[in-house]
């Protein structure tokens, strides 16, 4: 299976939210990273057919999605960032409703619904109304509906937003299970989530792909540009104003800094193995809002 994005553009007035995006995707998990406003959600909506591109085309196994029509959409599973629920539906009712919308064989709906509710750990609350659910429970129901038709292409826009650390780990494992023999595109602000499960990183900036790299080699370009060293509080404050600081850690009245820079910021700085978070900061700068790890849950 091969999904081709060919010179995709989406323009709103004079602004190009998606600007000449070209990529060839095969089964695996693609982590789509970028700052707010980079064009990630717009691109995902174009791939799902929610938005029509201004120019360019999408092909699945060589055929355009216009030619494939419903045969293309039958292979899609989509979880948008702001997923709408009917609040008075129970989870079971909602899943059956979505199955009807997707045209799933009625004989398979009950077993598929129960299988997915079990997978996302909602079986015990399946007969409670969705309006009583926490944000994390709604997110789990959102991915369950996206998987109803066992899609070949799974598009997940901020699927772990609002989940606590334990739920995020469970969710990552679910996505890895779902990803077998599928093309999975996962957009998130939480860099650690992508680090654990992505096979390939797609980094987007100003509507374009800044890079498309396998996870194993994606940080090679900044090897030798990530530094750590100790400084006193006054010096640490100065470095924070001058450099892109990935992390600050107070140790015995000193501060350990992790900095991304082309050259050593101080004589006693030493290079360390770069991470995906370092790469993100290298390209987007320290004023960019993104998630550093498991403990921070504030998503834009």
Protein backbone atom coordinates (compact mmCIF):
# COMPACT_ATOMS: atom_id res chain seq x y z
CA UNK A 1 0.00 0.00 0.00
CA UNK A 2 1.27 3.46 -0.90
CA UNK A 3 -0.24 6.87 -0.20
CA UNK A 4 1.22 9.63 -2.34
CA UNK A 5 0.89 13.33 -1.53
CA UNK A 6 1.79 15.22 -4.68
CA UNK A 7 2.49 18.96 -4.50
CA UNK A 8 -0.43 19.58 -2.13
CA UNK A 9 -1.36 23.20 -1.48
CA UNK A 10 -4.19 24.68 0.55
CA UNK A 11 -4.59 28.42 0.38
CA UNK A 12 -6.78 30.80 2.37
CA UNK A 13 -6.64 34.20 0.73
CA UNK A 14 -2.95 35.10 0.60
CA UNK A 15 -1.92 32.54 3.24
CA UNK A 16 -0.81 29.06 2.24
CA UNK A 17 -1.57 26.78 5.16
CA UNK A 18 -0.15 23.83 3.18
CA UNK A 19 2.55 24.73 0.68
CA UNK A 20 3.71 22.21 -1.95
CA UNK A 21 3.78 19.14 0.30
CA UNK A 22 5.06 15.99 -1.39
CA UNK A 23 5.61 12.63 0.30
CA UNK A 24 5.16 8.91 -0.28
CA UNK A 25 3.84 6.99 2.72
CA UNK A 26 3.82 3.23 3.21
CA UNK A 27 2.61 1.20 6.24
CA UNK A 28 4.10 2.45 9.50
CA UNK A 29 3.64 5.23 12.06
CA UNK A 30 4.43 8.78 10.93
CA UNK A 31 4.89 11.38 13.64
CA UNK A 32 3.78 14.78 12.33
CA UNK A 33 5.48 17.51 14.36
CA UNK A 34 5.40 21.28 14.10
CA UNK A 35 4.68 24.47 15.99
CA UNK A 36 1.18 25.90 16.27
CA UNK A 37 0.08 27.18 12.86
CA UNK A 38 2.54 25.00 10.93
CA UNK A 39 -0.31 23.50 8.86
CA UNK A 40 -0.52 20.04 10.46
CA UNK A 41 -4.28 19.92 11.04
CA UNK A 42 -5.00 21.46 7.63
CA UNK A 43 -2.87 18.80 5.94
CA UNK A 44 -4.65 16.02 7.82
CA UNK A 45 -8.05 17.40 6.84
CA UNK A 46 -6.96 17.52 3.20
CA UNK A 47 -5.80 13.88 3.35
CA UNK A 48 -9.16 12.91 4.88
CA UNK A 49 -11.13 14.81 2.26
CA UNK A 50 -12.63 17.21 4.81
CA UNK A 51 -10.92 20.02 2.85
CA UNK A 52 -10.22 20.11 -0.86
CA UNK A 53 -6.67 21.10 -1.81
CA UNK A 54 -6.20 24.30 -3.76
CA UNK A 55 -3.81 22.36 -5.99
CA UNK A 56 -1.99 19.06 -6.08
CA UNK A 57 -3.44 15.60 -5.61
CA UNK A 58 -3.51 12.52 -3.38
CA UNK A 59 -3.11 9.02 -4.78
CA UNK A 60 -3.63 5.65 -3.15
CA UNK A 61 -1.80 2.86 -4.96
CA UNK A 62 -1.51 5.07 -8.03
CA UNK A 63 -5.16 6.13 -8.28
CA UNK A 64 -6.38 9.58 -7.31
CA UNK A 65 -8.83 9.80 -4.43
CA UNK A 66 -11.31 11.44 -6.80
CA UNK A 67 -11.23 8.36 -9.01
CA UNK A 68 -11.47 6.03 -6.01
CA UNK A 69 -14.34 7.96 -4.40
CA UNK A 70 -16.00 5.96 -1.62
CA UNK A 71 -13.45 3.17 -1.99
CA UNK A 72 -10.86 5.60 -0.62
CA UNK A 73 -12.96 6.91 2.26
CA UNK A 74 -13.92 3.36 3.26
CA UNK A 75 -10.23 2.80 4.03
CA UNK A 76 -9.89 5.91 6.21
CA UNK A 77 -10.13 6.27 9.96
CA UNK A 78 -10.01 9.83 11.31
CA UNK A 79 -9.89 11.27 14.78
CA UNK A 80 -9.94 15.08 14.55
CA UNK A 81 -8.49 17.31 17.24
CA UNK A 82 -11.91 18.55 18.37
CA UNK A 83 -14.08 15.49 18.07
CA UNK A 84 -17.81 16.08 18.42
CA UNK A 85 -19.99 13.68 20.41
CA UNK A 86 -23.72 13.46 20.93
CA UNK A 87 -23.70 13.99 24.71
CA UNK A 88 -26.84 11.95 25.44
CA UNK A 89 -25.55 8.88 23.60
CA UNK A 90 -23.90 6.12 25.57
CA UNK A 91 -20.58 4.84 24.23
CA UNK A 92 -22.27 1.76 22.77
CA UNK A 93 -24.96 3.89 21.10
CA UNK A 94 -22.34 6.25 19.72
CA UNK A 95 -20.27 3.42 18.28
CA UNK A 96 -23.33 1.88 16.63
CA UNK A 97 -24.30 5.25 15.23
CA UNK A 98 -20.80 5.77 13.78
CA UNK A 99 -20.89 2.25 12.35
CA UNK A 100 -24.09 3.14 10.51
CA UNK A 101 -22.53 6.37 9.21
CA UNK A 102 -19.52 4.40 7.94
CA UNK A 103 -21.75 1.79 6.30
CA UNK A 104 -20.34 -1.13 8.26
CA UNK A 105 -22.07 -4.49 7.87
CA UNK A 106 -24.76 -4.68 10.59
CA UNK A 107 -23.83 -8.29 11.35
CA UNK A 108 -20.35 -7.16 12.45
CA UNK A 109 -21.26 -4.02 14.39
CA UNK A 110 -21.96 -5.55 17.80
CA UNK A 111 -18.82 -7.70 17.98
CA UNK A 112 -16.61 -4.93 16.58
CA UNK A 113 -18.06 -2.40 19.03
CA UNK A 114 -17.45 -4.66 22.01
CA UNK A 115 -13.93 -5.52 20.83
CA UNK A 116 -12.93 -1.87 20.50
CA UNK A 117 -14.57 -0.70 23.72
CA UNK A 118 -12.60 -3.41 25.50
CA UNK A 119 -9.37 -2.35 23.79
CA UNK A 120 -9.77 1.26 24.91
CA UNK A 121 -10.83 0.21 28.43
CA UNK A 122 -14.40 1.57 28.25
CA UNK A 123 -16.41 -1.66 28.61
CA UNK A 124 -17.42 -0.98 32.22
CA UNK A 125 -18.76 2.51 31.37
CA UNK A 126 -20.10 1.68 27.91
CA UNK A 127 -23.72 2.28 28.97
CA UNK A 128 -23.04 5.64 30.59
CA UNK A 129 -23.74 8.83 28.66
CA UNK A 130 -20.77 10.42 26.94
CA UNK A 131 -21.47 13.76 28.63
CA UNK A 132 -20.43 12.16 31.92
CA UNK A 133 -17.03 11.11 30.53
CA UNK A 134 -13.73 12.74 31.37
CA UNK A 135 -11.62 14.23 28.59
CA UNK A 136 -9.42 11.15 28.54
CA UNK A 137 -12.39 8.81 28.21
CA UNK A 138 -13.70 10.85 25.28
CA UNK A 139 -10.29 10.63 23.62
CA UNK A 140 -10.34 6.85 23.99
CA UNK A 141 -13.83 6.71 22.49
CA UNK A 142 -12.59 8.92 19.66
CA UNK A 143 -9.88 6.48 18.62
CA UNK A 144 -12.28 3.54 19.00
CA UNK A 145 -14.65 5.07 16.44
CA UNK A 146 -11.73 5.81 14.11
CA UNK A 147 -10.88 2.08 14.15
CA UNK A 148 -14.44 0.83 13.60
CA UNK A 149 -13.99 0.10 9.90
CA UNK A 150 -10.49 -1.38 10.41
CA UNK A 151 -9.03 1.31 8.15
CA UNK A 152 -5.85 1.02 6.10
CA UNK A 153 -5.08 4.70 6.77
CA UNK A 154 -5.49 6.03 10.31
CA UNK A 155 -5.28 9.80 10.88
CA UNK A 156 -4.99 10.94 14.51
CA UNK A 157 -4.89 14.66 15.30
CA UNK A 158 -3.67 15.28 18.88
CA UNK A 159 -4.99 11.91 20.13
CA UNK A 160 -3.22 12.08 23.50
CA UNK A 161 -4.32 15.61 24.40
CA UNK A 162 -5.85 15.68 27.88
CA UNK A 163 -4.71 12.20 28.86
CA UNK A 164 -2.82 11.62 32.10
CA UNK A 165 0.62 9.94 31.85
CA UNK A 166 -0.73 6.44 32.52
CA UNK A 167 -3.43 6.83 29.86
CA UNK A 168 -0.89 8.22 27.40
CA UNK A 169 1.26 5.10 27.77
CA UNK A 170 -1.80 2.89 27.24
CA UNK A 171 -2.79 5.00 24.24
CA UNK A 172 0.66 4.74 22.67
CA UNK A 173 0.51 0.96 23.03
CA UNK A 174 -2.94 0.94 21.42
CA UNK A 175 -1.70 2.97 18.48
CA UNK A 176 1.24 0.60 18.04
CA UNK A 177 -1.19 -2.34 18.01
CA UNK A 178 -3.51 -0.60 15.55
CA UNK A 179 -0.59 0.35 13.28
CA UNK A 180 0.12 -3.15 12.03
CA UNK A 181 -0.03 -3.05 8.23
CA UNK A 182 -1.60 0.44 8.32
CA UNK A 183 -0.43 3.92 7.44
CA UNK A 184 -0.80 5.88 10.69
CA UNK A 185 -0.30 9.66 10.74
CA UNK A 186 -0.10 10.97 14.29
CA UNK A 187 0.00 14.69 14.98
CA UNK A 188 0.91 15.79 18.48
CA UNK A 189 2.57 18.47 20.59
CA UNK A 190 3.90 15.80 22.93
CA UNK A 191 7.32 14.98 21.55
CA UNK A 192 7.84 12.00 23.88
CA UNK A 193 4.74 10.27 22.46
CA UNK A 194 6.17 10.46 18.94
CA UNK A 195 9.62 9.36 20.12
CA UNK A 196 8.22 6.10 21.48
CA UNK A 197 6.05 4.94 18.59
CA UNK A 198 6.91 6.71 15.31
CA UNK A 199 8.85 4.97 12.55
CA UNK A 200 9.26 8.19 10.57
CA UNK A 201 9.21 11.86 11.54
CA UNK A 202 7.53 14.45 9.34
CA UNK A 203 8.45 17.90 10.62
CA UNK A 204 6.33 20.74 9.28
CA UNK A 205 7.07 24.45 9.26
CA UNK A 206 5.14 27.24 7.51
CA UNK A 207 3.07 24.74 5.55
CA UNK A 208 6.01 22.71 4.23
CA UNK A 209 7.83 19.56 5.26
CA UNK A 210 11.07 20.67 6.84
CA UNK A 211 12.25 17.07 6.98
CA UNK A 212 11.10 13.50 6.40
CA UNK A 213 13.42 11.14 8.22
CA UNK A 214 13.34 7.67 9.81
CA UNK A 215 13.22 7.86 13.59
CA UNK A 216 16.56 6.03 13.81
CA UNK A 217 18.45 8.78 11.99
CA UNK A 218 16.31 11.89 12.41
CA UNK A 219 18.61 13.55 14.97
CA UNK A 220 21.84 12.90 13.04
CA UNK A 221 21.78 16.43 11.62
CA UNK A 222 22.25 17.99 15.08
CA UNK A 223 24.81 15.54 16.45
CA UNK A 224 27.57 17.66 17.99
CA UNK A 225 25.21 20.62 18.52
CA UNK A 226 23.63 19.62 21.84
CA UNK A 227 25.62 20.65 24.92
CA UNK A 228 25.44 20.22 28.68
CA UNK A 229 27.36 22.06 31.40
CA UNK A 230 27.07 23.50 34.90
CA UNK A 231 26.75 27.22 35.66
CA UNK A 232 25.89 29.38 38.64
CA UNK A 233 22.42 30.98 38.78
CA UNK A 234 23.54 34.33 37.35
CA UNK A 235 25.35 32.74 34.40
CA UNK A 236 22.47 30.32 33.81
CA UNK A 237 20.09 33.29 33.48
CA UNK A 238 22.43 34.87 30.92
CA UNK A 239 22.68 31.67 28.89
CA UNK A 240 18.89 31.33 28.96
CA UNK A 241 18.56 34.75 27.34
CA UNK A 242 21.16 34.01 24.68
CA UNK A 243 20.71 30.35 23.72
CA UNK A 244 17.98 27.82 23.04
CA UNK A 245 17.83 26.03 26.38
CA UNK A 246 16.20 22.60 26.29
CA UNK A 247 16.43 21.93 30.00
CA UNK A 248 17.50 23.48 33.32
CA UNK A 249 18.19 21.34 36.38
CA UNK A 250 19.28 22.72 39.75
CA UNK A 251 22.09 20.74 41.41
CA UNK A 252 23.78 21.81 44.68
CA UNK A 253 23.45 25.58 44.16
CA UNK A 254 24.43 25.20 40.49
CA UNK A 255 22.34 24.81 37.35
CA UNK A 256 22.86 22.10 34.75
CA UNK A 257 21.89 23.44 31.33
CA UNK A 258 21.14 21.54 28.14
CA UNK A 259 21.58 23.85 25.17
CA UNK A 260 21.25 23.51 21.40
CA UNK A 261 23.93 25.59 19.67
CA UNK A 262 26.25 25.41 16.68
CA UNK A 263 29.34 25.80 18.87
CA UNK A 264 30.19 25.20 22.52
CA UNK A 265 28.53 27.92 24.64
CA UNK A 266 31.35 27.68 27.22
CA UNK A 267 34.74 26.03 27.47
CA UNK A 268 33.57 23.32 29.87
CA UNK A 269 30.48 22.35 27.84
CA UNK A 270 30.43 18.81 26.46
CA UNK A 271 28.31 17.30 23.70
CA UNK A 272 25.54 14.80 24.46
CA UNK A 273 23.43 12.47 22.35
CA UNK A 274 20.65 14.53 20.70
CA UNK A 275 16.96 13.78 21.21
CA UNK A 276 13.87 14.51 19.15
CA UNK A 277 13.06 17.30 21.59
CA UNK A 278 16.47 18.88 20.90
CA UNK A 279 15.79 18.68 17.16
CA UNK A 280 12.40 20.33 17.59
CA UNK A 281 13.92 23.20 19.54
CA UNK A 282 16.76 23.55 17.05
CA UNK A 283 14.28 24.20 14.24
CA UNK A 284 11.54 26.09 16.07
CA UNK A 285 13.26 28.06 18.84
CA UNK A 286 12.63 28.24 22.56
CA UNK A 287 9.53 30.45 22.21
CA UNK A 288 7.68 27.55 20.57
CA UNK A 289 5.10 25.81 22.78
CA UNK A 290 5.46 22.04 22.84
CA UNK A 291 5.30 19.26 25.37
CA UNK A 292 8.55 18.18 27.03
CA UNK A 293 7.41 14.93 28.63
CA UNK A 294 4.95 12.99 30.68
CA UNK A 295 4.39 15.51 33.43
CA UNK A 296 3.11 18.54 31.48
CA UNK A 297 -0.49 18.30 30.29
CA UNK A 298 -1.20 21.83 28.98
CA UNK A 299 -2.03 21.45 25.30
CA UNK A 300 -2.97 24.38 23.09
